[in-house]
Amino acid sequence: MIDLAALRANARRLMERADGRSCIAVVKADAYGHGAVPVARELLATGVAALAVVTADEASELRGAGLGAPVLVLGGPRDAAEAEQILGSHGAAVLHHEEAARRMAEAARQQGRPARVQIEIDTGMRRMGVAEADAVGFAERVVADEWLELEGVFTHFACADEVDLGPTLEQCRGLRRVVEALREQGIRGLQVHAANSAGVLSREVMAGLPEATAVRPGLALYGVQPALHLGRDELVPVMSLRAPVVQLHRVAAGEGVGYGATWRAAADTNVATLGLGYADGLAWTAAQGGMVWLAGALRPISGRVSMDFVSVEVGDAAVAIGDEAVLFGTAPDGSVPRRVEAVAAAAGTLHYELLVRVGRRVRRDVVDDSV
């Protein structure tokens, strides 16, 4: 289930935290598994100023759905064909190196109109972007190219969700140095952004980059807290992963359940089979201490998670075929018995990963009445 009311509530809270800065909503990876087009449409209606994706195909999907808002393609052009695709979708391409600039300029020359671009500055992530020491010269070359239109500069935080904000504040200082140097060279009026979800939720980080004109939240839009120390009460889960009971078994003491019979009943009990497995996004490691909400309580996963099914011990609880179990998110009564953060921690993985792994065959029921 995808709750649009929760999405709107989270977006409004984050825009309030942005304190007048525009909001670039990150909807990459199919909006973190939530459905890029309906999520993007709702976010734009709520007041976000722009969208961010990673690939040219993701930008084209949004345009194909009739969404005309600014789209920032964070991954930039990986080849000449993608440069043409980004330009054709009227997206702004992120430049990480000279070759990307050359690709975009050539595509723009062929199509007869300048390409809108932004530059990612590597201030400490060491993953993508132009090194801080090279940023001013690179930007000057971009500005001098008649086929490129420089719109903004930004950086990506490596440690904003850590308790120690020292490295993040140093990244802020790095971007500030670049922005000031650009201004000294007469390059002004650029969009400047750095704050991801954790950054937006941290007053100290937000204060560390007064030059910022925008924020760039992703995970928090979907009601998931980047880190527990940042607090989570104000965020409402957007995705609820539920599964129906498709089989009930009476299991005698000592009998095994599932592949390898790795779980055996300690006493006579009842086991419910749910119609969801690791092909649908449930982590295989969830078998180790994993729980689901069913019949008013948390119930332990019993045995291995298989591709299509998972078993849950329900004891003597009143459970019937067709009942719904909540693996994470909101229950039908509006409570939140199991947050994806807790499920991920128990499975030894990231909450990001659980969201984006929800498979295509899981039906996305979009609702708009739970908040």
Protein backbone atom coordinates (compact mmCIF):
# COMPACT_ATOMS: atom_id res chain seq x y z
CA MET A 1 0.00 0.00 0.00
CA ILE A 2 1.23 3.49 -0.91
CA ASP A 3 -0.25 6.25 1.24
CA LEU A 4 -0.31 9.57 -0.63
CA ALA A 5 -1.56 11.47 2.41
CA ALA A 6 1.50 10.33 4.34
CA LEU A 7 3.70 11.37 1.42
CA ARG A 8 2.20 14.85 1.45
CA ALA A 9 2.59 15.15 5.22
CA ASN A 10 6.28 14.20 5.04
CA ALA A 11 6.91 16.58 2.14
CA ARG A 12 5.33 19.47 4.00
CA ARG A 13 7.40 18.76 7.11
CA LEU A 14 10.60 18.68 5.10
CA MET A 15 9.72 21.86 3.22
CA GLU A 16 9.12 23.54 6.57
CA ARG A 17 12.57 22.38 7.68
CA ALA A 18 14.00 23.80 4.44
CA ASP A 19 13.20 27.29 5.76
CA GLY A 20 12.40 28.92 2.45
CA ARG A 21 14.80 26.93 0.28
CA SER A 22 13.28 25.13 -2.69
CA CYS A 23 12.87 21.37 -2.51
CA ILE A 24 14.32 18.97 -5.07
CA ALA A 25 12.54 15.67 -4.39
CA VAL A 26 14.59 12.56 -5.13
CA VAL A 27 12.44 10.01 -6.95
CA LYS A 28 15.20 7.75 -8.27
CA ALA A 29 14.85 3.96 -8.29
CA ASP A 30 11.11 4.17 -8.98
CA ALA A 31 10.74 6.62 -6.06
CA TYR A 32 12.52 4.20 -3.72
CA GLY A 33 10.15 1.44 -4.83
CA HIS A 34 6.98 3.49 -4.28
CA GLY A 35 6.18 4.26 -7.94
CA ALA A 36 7.94 7.22 -9.55
CA VAL A 37 5.08 8.70 -11.55
CA PRO A 38 2.29 8.82 -8.92
CA VAL A 39 4.78 9.89 -6.23
CA ALA A 40 6.29 12.63 -8.39
CA ARG A 41 2.87 13.92 -9.40
CA GLU A 42 1.78 14.12 -5.76
CA LEU A 43 4.98 15.78 -4.62
CA LEU A 44 4.74 18.44 -7.30
CA ALA A 45 1.14 19.13 -6.31
CA THR A 46 2.30 19.49 -2.71
CA GLY A 47 4.83 22.15 -3.62
CA VAL A 48 8.22 20.62 -4.35
CA ALA A 49 10.03 22.63 -7.01
CA ALA A 50 11.90 19.94 -8.91
CA LEU A 51 12.59 16.23 -9.17
CA ALA A 52 15.85 14.29 -9.13
CA VAL A 53 16.57 10.92 -10.72
CA VAL A 54 19.78 9.10 -11.59
CA THR A 55 19.35 7.82 -15.15
CA ALA A 56 18.23 9.17 -18.48
CA ASP A 57 15.54 6.48 -18.64
CA GLU A 58 14.10 7.64 -15.31
CA ALA A 59 13.88 11.20 -16.63
CA SER A 60 12.18 9.99 -19.80
CA GLU A 61 9.62 8.05 -17.75
CA LEU A 62 8.58 11.21 -15.91
CA ARG A 63 8.33 13.19 -19.12
CA GLY A 64 6.38 10.39 -20.78
CA ALA A 65 3.84 10.67 -17.98
CA GLY A 66 3.33 14.34 -18.79
CA LEU A 67 5.26 15.79 -15.85
CA GLY A 68 6.82 19.08 -16.90
CA ALA A 69 8.70 20.09 -13.75
CA PRO A 70 12.48 20.54 -13.74
CA VAL A 71 14.26 17.18 -13.57
CA LEU A 72 17.86 16.81 -12.42
CA VAL A 73 19.62 13.70 -13.77
CA LEU A 74 22.13 12.96 -11.02
CA GLY A 75 24.01 10.24 -12.87
CA GLY A 76 24.72 12.44 -15.87
CA PRO A 77 25.20 11.12 -19.42
CA ARG A 78 26.97 7.77 -19.50
CA ASP A 79 27.35 7.88 -23.28
CA ALA A 80 26.39 10.02 -26.28
CA ALA A 81 22.96 8.38 -26.58
CA GLU A 82 22.11 9.24 -22.98
CA ALA A 83 23.26 12.82 -23.51
CA GLU A 84 20.81 13.11 -26.38
CA GLN A 85 18.10 11.45 -24.28
CA ILE A 86 18.58 13.81 -21.35
CA LEU A 87 18.51 16.83 -23.62
CA GLY A 88 15.44 15.47 -25.39
CA SER A 89 13.64 15.07 -22.07
CA HIS A 90 14.53 18.66 -21.13
CA GLY A 91 16.38 17.41 -18.07
CA ALA A 92 19.35 19.09 -16.42
CA ALA A 93 22.39 16.82 -16.65
CA VAL A 94 24.86 16.55 -13.80
CA LEU A 95 28.48 16.82 -14.92
CA HIS A 96 31.13 14.85 -13.04
CA HIS A 97 34.04 15.14 -15.47
CA GLU A 98 35.19 16.65 -18.78
CA GLU A 99 33.84 13.79 -20.87
CA ALA A 100 30.32 14.35 -19.56
CA ALA A 101 30.58 18.02 -20.46
CA ARG A 102 31.77 17.14 -23.94
CA ARG A 103 28.90 14.68 -24.44
CA MET A 104 26.27 17.20 -23.40
CA ALA A 105 27.78 20.00 -25.50
CA GLU A 106 27.86 17.78 -28.57
CA ALA A 107 24.26 16.65 -28.07
CA ALA A 108 23.22 20.28 -27.64
CA ARG A 109 25.05 21.32 -30.79
CA GLN A 110 23.31 18.59 -32.78
CA GLN A 111 19.87 19.54 -31.44
CA GLY A 112 20.55 23.25 -31.83
CA ARG A 113 19.81 24.35 -28.27
CA PRO A 114 21.91 24.69 -25.10
CA ALA A 115 21.94 21.90 -22.53
CA ARG A 116 21.08 22.74 -18.94
CA VAL A 117 23.70 21.32 -16.58
CA GLN A 118 24.76 21.26 -12.95
CA ILE A 119 28.16 20.31 -11.53
CA GLU A 120 28.62 17.89 -8.67
CA ILE A 121 31.56 18.86 -6.47
CA ASP A 122 33.37 16.05 -4.65
CA THR A 123 33.97 17.47 -1.19
CA GLY A 124 34.60 14.16 0.55
CA MET A 125 32.36 11.36 -0.74
CA ARG A 126 35.05 10.24 -3.22
CA ARG A 127 32.48 8.60 -5.43
CA MET A 128 31.30 10.99 -8.13
CA GLY A 129 32.01 14.59 -8.98
CA VAL A 130 34.71 17.12 -9.81
CA ALA A 131 37.42 17.49 -7.17
CA GLU A 132 37.12 20.65 -5.13
CA ALA A 133 40.54 21.83 -6.31
CA ASP A 134 39.47 21.53 -9.96
CA ALA A 135 35.92 22.83 -9.58
CA VAL A 136 36.42 26.51 -10.44
CA GLY A 137 38.41 25.84 -13.61
CA PHE A 138 35.92 23.20 -14.68
CA ALA A 139 32.99 25.55 -14.09
CA GLU A 140 34.70 28.32 -16.05
CA ARG A 141 35.09 26.01 -19.03
CA VAL A 142 31.43 25.01 -18.79
CA VAL A 143 30.31 28.65 -18.66
CA ALA A 144 32.52 29.47 -21.67
CA ASP A 145 30.90 26.74 -23.78
CA GLU A 146 28.08 28.23 -25.83
CA TRP A 147 26.20 24.93 -25.80
CA LEU A 148 26.14 24.51 -22.01
CA GLU A 149 24.03 26.48 -19.55
CA LEU A 150 25.28 26.14 -15.98
CA GLU A 151 22.38 26.17 -13.52
CA GLY A 152 23.89 25.00 -10.27
CA VAL A 153 26.53 23.29 -8.17
CA PHE A 154 26.08 20.79 -5.36
CA THR A 155 27.76 18.14 -3.28
CA HIS A 156 26.70 14.83 -1.80
CA PHE A 157 27.16 14.10 1.91
CA ALA A 158 28.94 10.92 2.94
CA CYS A 159 28.21 10.94 6.70
CA ALA A 160 25.19 13.18 7.33
CA ASP A 161 23.36 10.38 9.14
CA GLU A 162 26.19 9.90 11.66
CA VAL A 163 26.15 11.35 15.16
CA ASP A 164 29.49 13.06 14.51
CA LEU A 165 28.68 15.88 12.10
CA GLY A 166 32.29 17.03 11.76
CA PRO A 167 32.89 15.44 8.32
CA THR A 168 29.57 16.74 7.03
CA LEU A 169 30.23 20.29 8.19
CA GLU A 170 33.65 20.10 6.52
CA GLN A 171 31.90 19.13 3.28
CA CYS A 172 29.70 22.18 3.71
CA ARG A 173 32.79 24.31 4.08
CA GLY A 174 34.26 22.76 0.94
CA LEU A 175 31.21 23.64 -1.12
CA ARG A 176 31.17 27.14 0.38
CA ARG A 177 34.77 27.63 -0.73
CA VAL A 178 33.84 26.65 -4.27
CA VAL A 179 30.78 28.92 -4.35
CA GLU A 180 32.78 31.87 -3.05
CA ALA A 181 35.54 31.28 -5.59
CA LEU A 182 32.99 31.11 -8.40
CA ARG A 183 31.49 34.40 -7.26
CA GLU A 184 34.91 35.97 -7.32
CA GLN A 185 35.17 34.88 -10.96
CA GLY A 186 31.80 36.47 -11.71
CA ILE A 187 29.84 33.21 -11.78
CA ARG A 188 26.79 34.02 -9.68
CA GLY A 189 23.12 33.19 -9.38
CA LEU A 190 23.64 29.42 -9.31
CA GLN A 191 21.42 26.96 -7.51
CA VAL A 192 23.37 25.54 -4.55
CA HIS A 193 22.33 22.41 -2.67
CA ALA A 194 23.75 19.68 -0.47
CA ALA A 195 21.26 18.67 2.24
CA ASN A 196 19.89 15.15 1.82
CA SER A 197 17.23 13.79 4.17
CA ALA A 198 19.59 13.60 7.15
CA GLY A 199 20.91 17.05 6.35
CA VAL A 200 17.45 18.59 6.20
CA LEU A 201 16.59 17.05 9.57
CA SER A 202 19.73 18.46 11.19
CA ARG A 203 19.59 22.13 12.16
CA GLU A 204 23.36 22.20 12.50
CA VAL A 205 23.89 20.96 8.95
CA MET A 206 21.28 23.35 7.56
CA ALA A 207 23.06 26.23 9.30
CA GLY A 208 26.40 25.06 7.91
CA LEU A 209 25.60 26.05 4.34
CA PRO A 210 23.85 29.44 4.34
CA GLU A 211 24.52 29.79 0.60
CA ALA A 212 22.20 26.88 -0.17
CA THR A 213 19.16 27.76 -2.24
CA ALA A 214 17.66 24.25 -2.27
CA VAL A 215 17.53 20.95 -0.38
CA ARG A 216 17.50 17.47 -1.87
CA PRO A 217 15.61 14.99 0.37
CA GLY A 218 14.88 11.42 -0.62
CA LEU A 219 14.36 8.76 2.05
CA ALA A 220 12.55 11.00 4.54
CA LEU A 221 9.90 11.87 1.96
CA TYR A 222 8.83 8.24 2.21
CA GLY A 223 8.49 8.38 5.99
CA VAL A 224 11.73 6.59 6.83
CA GLN A 225 14.20 8.08 9.26
CA PRO A 226 17.81 8.17 7.98
CA ALA A 227 19.11 7.64 11.54
CA LEU A 228 17.39 7.02 14.87
CA HIS A 229 19.23 9.83 16.66
CA LEU A 230 17.49 12.32 14.36
CA GLY A 231 14.06 11.37 15.77
CA ARG A 232 11.25 9.85 13.77
CA ASP A 233 7.90 10.80 15.25
CA GLU A 234 7.22 13.45 12.61
CA LEU A 235 7.64 11.08 9.66
CA VAL A 236 4.77 8.86 8.50
CA PRO A 237 5.49 5.62 6.58
CA VAL A 238 4.31 5.86 2.99
CA MET A 239 4.81 2.23 2.03
CA SER A 240 3.15 -0.61 3.92
CA LEU A 241 4.16 -4.10 2.86
CA ARG A 242 1.38 -6.57 3.59
CA ALA A 243 0.81 -10.17 2.62
CA PRO A 244 -2.23 -12.47 2.80
CA VAL A 245 -2.42 -15.71 4.70
CA VAL A 246 -2.69 -18.35 1.96
CA GLN A 247 -2.40 -21.58 3.97
CA LEU A 248 -2.75 -22.77 7.58
CA HIS A 249 -1.02 -25.84 9.02
CA ARG A 250 -1.21 -27.67 12.30
CA VAL A 251 2.39 -28.59 13.14
CA ALA A 252 3.24 -31.20 15.76
CA ALA A 253 6.08 -30.80 18.22
CA GLY A 254 9.39 -31.63 16.52
CA GLU A 255 8.11 -31.21 12.96
CA GLY A 256 10.10 -28.98 10.64
CA VAL A 257 8.84 -26.11 8.48
CA GLY A 258 10.27 -24.89 5.18
CA TYR A 259 13.38 -25.68 3.16
CA GLY A 260 15.94 -27.62 5.11
CA ALA A 261 13.57 -27.92 8.06
CA THR A 262 15.75 -25.35 9.80
CA TRP A 263 12.91 -24.49 12.19
CA ARG A 264 11.14 -27.15 14.24
CA ALA A 265 8.13 -26.67 16.46
CA ALA A 266 8.93 -26.70 20.17
CA ALA A 267 5.34 -27.81 20.88
CA ASP A 268 2.15 -28.44 18.93
CA THR A 269 1.28 -25.17 17.22
CA ASN A 270 -0.27 -23.52 14.17
CA VAL A 271 1.73 -22.04 11.32
CA ALA A 272 0.41 -19.60 8.72
CA THR A 273 1.91 -19.38 5.24
CA LEU A 274 2.04 -15.87 3.77
CA GLY A 275 1.96 -15.21 0.05
CA LEU A 276 5.21 -13.26 -0.14
CA GLY A 277 8.86 -14.21 -0.38
CA TYR A 278 12.29 -12.96 -1.27
CA ALA A 279 11.23 -12.38 -4.89
CA ASP A 280 8.83 -9.79 -3.49
CA GLY A 281 11.37 -7.95 -1.33
CA LEU A 282 11.37 -9.86 1.95
CA ALA A 283 15.02 -10.32 2.89
CA TRP A 284 16.15 -13.95 3.00
CA THR A 285 17.97 -13.10 6.24
CA ALA A 286 14.63 -12.15 7.84
CA ALA A 287 14.35 -15.78 8.88
CA GLN A 288 16.83 -14.99 11.66
CA GLY A 289 14.59 -13.46 14.30
CA GLY A 290 12.21 -11.77 11.86
CA MET A 291 8.69 -10.83 12.92
CA VAL A 292 5.44 -9.84 11.21
CA TRP A 293 2.27 -8.27 12.61
CA LEU A 294 -0.67 -10.66 12.37
CA ALA A 295 -3.85 -11.08 14.41
CA GLY A 296 -3.01 -8.20 16.71
CA ALA A 297 0.53 -9.19 17.67
CA LEU A 298 4.05 -9.68 16.41
CA ARG A 299 4.54 -13.25 15.20
CA PRO A 300 7.91 -14.92 14.52
CA ILE A 301 8.95 -16.04 11.06
CA SER A 302 9.34 -19.81 11.18
CA GLY A 303 11.85 -21.40 8.83
CA ARG A 304 13.55 -20.09 5.74
CA VAL A 305 12.11 -17.38 3.56
CA SER A 306 11.48 -18.91 0.14
CA MET A 307 11.07 -17.17 -3.19
CA ASP A 308 7.27 -16.96 -3.01
CA PHE A 309 6.22 -17.76 0.56
CA VAL A 310 7.15 -17.38 4.19
CA SER A 311 5.80 -19.15 7.25
CA VAL A 312 4.83 -17.58 10.57
CA GLU A 313 4.05 -19.31 13.86
CA VAL A 314 0.68 -18.08 15.14
CA GLY A 315 0.08 -20.47 18.05
CA ASP A 316 -3.60 -20.47 19.04
CA ALA A 317 -4.40 -17.02 17.62
CA ALA A 318 -7.57 -16.72 15.54
CA VAL A 319 -6.12 -16.57 12.02
CA ALA A 320 -7.96 -17.36 8.81
CA ILE A 321 -6.96 -17.69 5.17
CA GLY A 322 -7.18 -14.24 3.61
CA ASP A 323 -6.13 -12.35 6.75
CA GLU A 324 -3.41 -9.76 6.13
CA ALA A 325 -0.04 -9.70 7.83
CA VAL A 326 1.99 -6.48 8.01
CA LEU A 327 5.68 -6.95 7.30
CA PHE A 328 6.36 -3.25 7.75
CA GLY A 329 4.42 -0.01 7.70
CA THR A 330 0.88 0.83 8.72
CA ALA A 331 -1.70 -1.71 9.87
CA PRO A 332 -5.35 -1.53 8.73
CA ASP A 333 -6.26 0.14 12.06
CA GLY A 334 -3.84 3.00 11.37
CA SER A 335 -1.19 1.93 13.86
CA VAL A 336 2.44 1.38 12.86
CA PRO A 337 3.37 -1.90 14.56
CA ARG A 338 6.54 -2.51 12.56
CA ARG A 339 8.66 0.19 10.91
CA VAL A 340 10.90 -0.69 7.99
CA GLU A 341 13.87 0.59 10.00
CA ALA A 342 13.32 -2.14 12.60
CA VAL A 343 12.78 -4.83 9.98
CA ALA A 344 16.00 -3.86 8.22
CA ALA A 345 17.97 -3.88 11.46
CA ALA A 346 16.70 -7.36 12.32
CA ALA A 347 17.58 -8.62 8.84
CA GLY A 348 21.03 -7.07 8.90
CA THR A 349 20.42 -4.82 5.92
CA LEU A 350 19.45 -1.23 5.06
CA HIS A 351 15.95 0.22 5.11
CA TYR A 352 16.78 1.70 1.69
CA GLU A 353 17.35 -1.79 0.34
CA LEU A 354 14.09 -3.21 1.66
CA LEU A 355 12.09 -0.43 0.01
CA VAL A 356 13.67 -0.71 -3.43
CA ARG A 357 13.60 -4.52 -3.38
CA VAL A 358 9.82 -4.79 -3.23
CA GLY A 359 9.16 -6.73 -6.41
CA ARG A 360 7.11 -5.83 -9.46
CA ARG A 361 4.50 -8.48 -8.76
CA VAL A 362 3.60 -6.86 -5.44
CA ARG A 363 0.48 -4.80 -6.16
CA ARG A 364 0.83 -1.11 -5.27
CA ASP A 365 -2.53 -0.07 -3.88
CA VAL A 366 -2.51 3.72 -3.76
CA VAL A 367 -4.65 5.22 -0.99
CA ASP A 368 -5.25 8.78 0.12
CA ASP A 369 -7.13 8.65 3.38
CA SER A 370 -4.90 7.41 6.21
CA VAL A 371 -3.61 10.75 7.56
